[in-house]
Amino acid sequence: MKWFGNPWPSDELRAAVCEDDRDRVPPPPPEEECGLCGKPIGENAQGVVVPHVEADRTSPWLSWVENRYIHLGCLLSNIGV
């Protein structure tokens, strides 16, 4: 899974998703909206990038997929942590 921002919970003690810096992507522009809450990602945010498929698209399937940035807090609140 791709992730952005600082590793969590810290640089020394990283969650499994943050272990490999090769999966780290540049942060989105601050005005980019979170794919879950719809609020701007903001500066210095942490989170993940997930593929999203729009159900109403009729073009070839590869063009359906777009990456969405998700706040770390939004991700965790949606998986019950």
C-alpha atoms as a PDB file:
ATOM      1  CA  MET A   1       0.000   0.000   0.000  1.00  0.00           C
ATOM      2  CA  LYS A   2       1.279   3.470  -0.829  1.00  0.00           C
ATOM      3  CA  TRP A   3       1.520   5.983   2.007  1.00  0.00           C
ATOM      4  CA  PHE A   4       2.436   9.653   2.494  1.00  0.00           C
ATOM      5  CA  GLY A   5       3.619  11.967   5.247  1.00  0.00           C
ATOM      6  CA  ASN A   6       5.794  10.989   8.188  1.00  0.00           C
ATOM      7  CA  PRO A   7       5.889   7.325   9.217  1.00  0.00           C
ATOM      8  CA  TRP A   8       3.541   6.479  12.059  1.00  0.00           C
ATOM      9  CA  PRO A   9       3.597   6.264  14.969  1.00  0.00           C
ATOM     10  CA  SER A  10       7.232   7.499  14.679  1.00  0.00           C
ATOM     11  CA  ASP A  11      10.371   7.295  12.529  1.00  0.00           C
ATOM     12  CA  GLU A  12      11.843   4.710  14.898  1.00  0.00           C
ATOM     13  CA  LEU A  13       8.743   2.584  15.471  1.00  0.00           C
ATOM     14  CA  ARG A  14       6.926   2.227  12.158  1.00  0.00           C
ATOM     15  CA  ALA A  15       3.585   0.627  11.435  1.00  0.00           C
ATOM     16  CA  ALA A  16       3.814  -2.212   8.908  1.00  0.00           C
ATOM     17  CA  VAL A  17       2.445  -0.032   6.101  1.00  0.00           C
ATOM     18  CA  CYS A  18       5.313   2.461   6.638  1.00  0.00           C
ATOM     19  CA  GLU A  19       8.183  -0.018   6.859  1.00  0.00           C
ATOM     20  CA  ASP A  20       9.303   0.319   3.243  1.00  0.00           C
ATOM     21  CA  ASP A  21      10.161   3.811   2.047  1.00  0.00           C
ATOM     22  CA  ARG A  22       9.807   2.575  -1.540  1.00  0.00           C
ATOM     23  CA  ASP A  23       6.035   2.660  -0.931  1.00  0.00           C
ATOM     24  CA  ARG A  24       6.145   6.269   0.238  1.00  0.00           C
ATOM     25  CA  VAL A  25       4.673   8.754  -2.231  1.00  0.00           C
ATOM     26  CA  PRO A  26       4.882  12.547  -2.294  1.00  0.00           C
ATOM     27  CA  PRO A  27       2.111  14.213  -0.322  1.00  0.00           C
ATOM     28  CA  PRO A  28      -0.835  15.519  -2.304  1.00  0.00           C
ATOM     29  CA  PRO A  29      -1.448  19.232  -2.801  1.00  0.00           C
ATOM     30  CA  PRO A  30      -2.934  20.651   0.432  1.00  0.00           C
ATOM     31  CA  GLU A  31      -6.283  21.273  -1.276  1.00  0.00           C
ATOM     32  CA  GLU A  32      -6.646  17.608  -2.341  1.00  0.00           C
ATOM     33  CA  GLU A  33      -9.733  16.147  -0.654  1.00  0.00           C
ATOM     34  CA  CYS A  34      -9.713  13.017   1.487  1.00  0.00           C
ATOM     35  CA  GLY A  35     -11.433  10.137  -0.276  1.00  0.00           C
ATOM     36  CA  LEU A  36     -13.425   9.342   2.889  1.00  0.00           C
ATOM     37  CA  CYS A  37     -14.326  12.578   4.682  1.00  0.00           C
ATOM     38  CA  GLY A  38     -14.119  15.011   1.736  1.00  0.00           C
ATOM     39  CA  LYS A  39     -12.101  17.570   3.724  1.00  0.00           C
ATOM     40  CA  PRO A  40      -8.780  18.916   2.395  1.00  0.00           C
ATOM     41  CA  ILE A  41      -5.793  16.702   3.169  1.00  0.00           C
ATOM     42  CA  GLY A  42      -3.822  19.743   4.367  1.00  0.00           C
ATOM     43  CA  GLU A  43      -0.126  20.222   4.912  1.00  0.00           C
ATOM     44  CA  ASN A  44       1.977  17.747   6.921  1.00  0.00           C
ATOM     45  CA  ALA A  45      -0.800  15.140   6.846  1.00  0.00           C
ATOM     46  CA  GLN A  46      -0.239  11.394   7.103  1.00  0.00           C
ATOM     47  CA  GLY A  47      -2.210   8.790   5.241  1.00  0.00           C
ATOM     48  CA  VAL A  48      -2.491   6.250   2.494  1.00  0.00           C
ATOM     49  CA  VAL A  49      -3.285   6.187  -1.194  1.00  0.00           C
ATOM     50  CA  VAL A  50      -5.963   3.714  -2.233  1.00  0.00           C
ATOM     51  CA  PRO A  51      -7.329   2.809  -5.659  1.00  0.00           C
ATOM     52  CA  HIS A  52     -10.934   3.861  -6.170  1.00  0.00           C
ATOM     53  CA  VAL A  53     -13.297   2.622  -8.872  1.00  0.00           C
ATOM     54  CA  GLU A  54     -16.267   4.696  -9.978  1.00  0.00           C
ATOM     55  CA  ALA A  55     -19.292   2.450 -10.481  1.00  0.00           C
ATOM     56  CA  ASP A  56     -20.903   4.528 -13.260  1.00  0.00           C
ATOM     57  CA  ARG A  57     -17.986   4.642 -15.669  1.00  0.00           C
ATOM     58  CA  THR A  58     -18.384   2.897 -19.018  1.00  0.00           C
ATOM     59  CA  SER A  59     -14.835   3.188 -20.378  1.00  0.00           C
ATOM     60  CA  PRO A  60     -12.278   0.338 -20.236  1.00  0.00           C
ATOM     61  CA  TRP A  61     -11.718  -0.777 -16.654  1.00  0.00           C
ATOM     62  CA  LEU A  62      -8.183   0.567 -16.278  1.00  0.00           C
ATOM     63  CA  SER A  63      -9.413   4.111 -16.787  1.00  0.00           C
ATOM     64  CA  TRP A  64     -12.001   3.618 -14.013  1.00  0.00           C
ATOM     65  CA  VAL A  65      -9.339   3.371 -11.358  1.00  0.00           C
ATOM     66  CA  GLU A  66      -8.067   6.556  -9.752  1.00  0.00           C
ATOM     67  CA  ASN A  67      -5.916   6.983  -6.704  1.00  0.00           C
ATOM     68  CA  ARG A  68      -7.492   8.657  -3.690  1.00  0.00           C
ATOM     69  CA  TYR A  69      -5.634  10.087  -0.746  1.00  0.00           C
ATOM     70  CA  ILE A  70      -7.040   9.128   2.650  1.00  0.00           C
ATOM     71  CA  HIS A  71      -6.226  10.793   5.999  1.00  0.00           C
ATOM     72  CA  LEU A  72      -4.677   8.340   8.441  1.00  0.00           C
ATOM     73  CA  GLY A  73      -7.367   9.186  11.022  1.00  0.00           C
ATOM     74  CA  CYS A  74     -10.177   8.596   8.526  1.00  0.00           C
ATOM     75  CA  LEU A  75      -8.704   5.234   7.541  1.00  0.00           C
ATOM     76  CA  LEU A  76      -8.374   4.099  11.156  1.00  0.00           C
ATOM     77  CA  SER A  77     -11.859   5.281  12.125  1.00  0.00           C
ATOM     78  CA  ASN A  78     -13.324   3.294   9.211  1.00  0.00           C
ATOM     79  CA  ILE A  79     -11.657   0.040  10.212  1.00  0.00           C
ATOM     80  CA  GLY A  80     -12.650   0.279  13.849  1.00  0.00           C
ATOM     81  CA  VAL A  81      -9.282   1.009  15.472  1.00  0.00           C
END
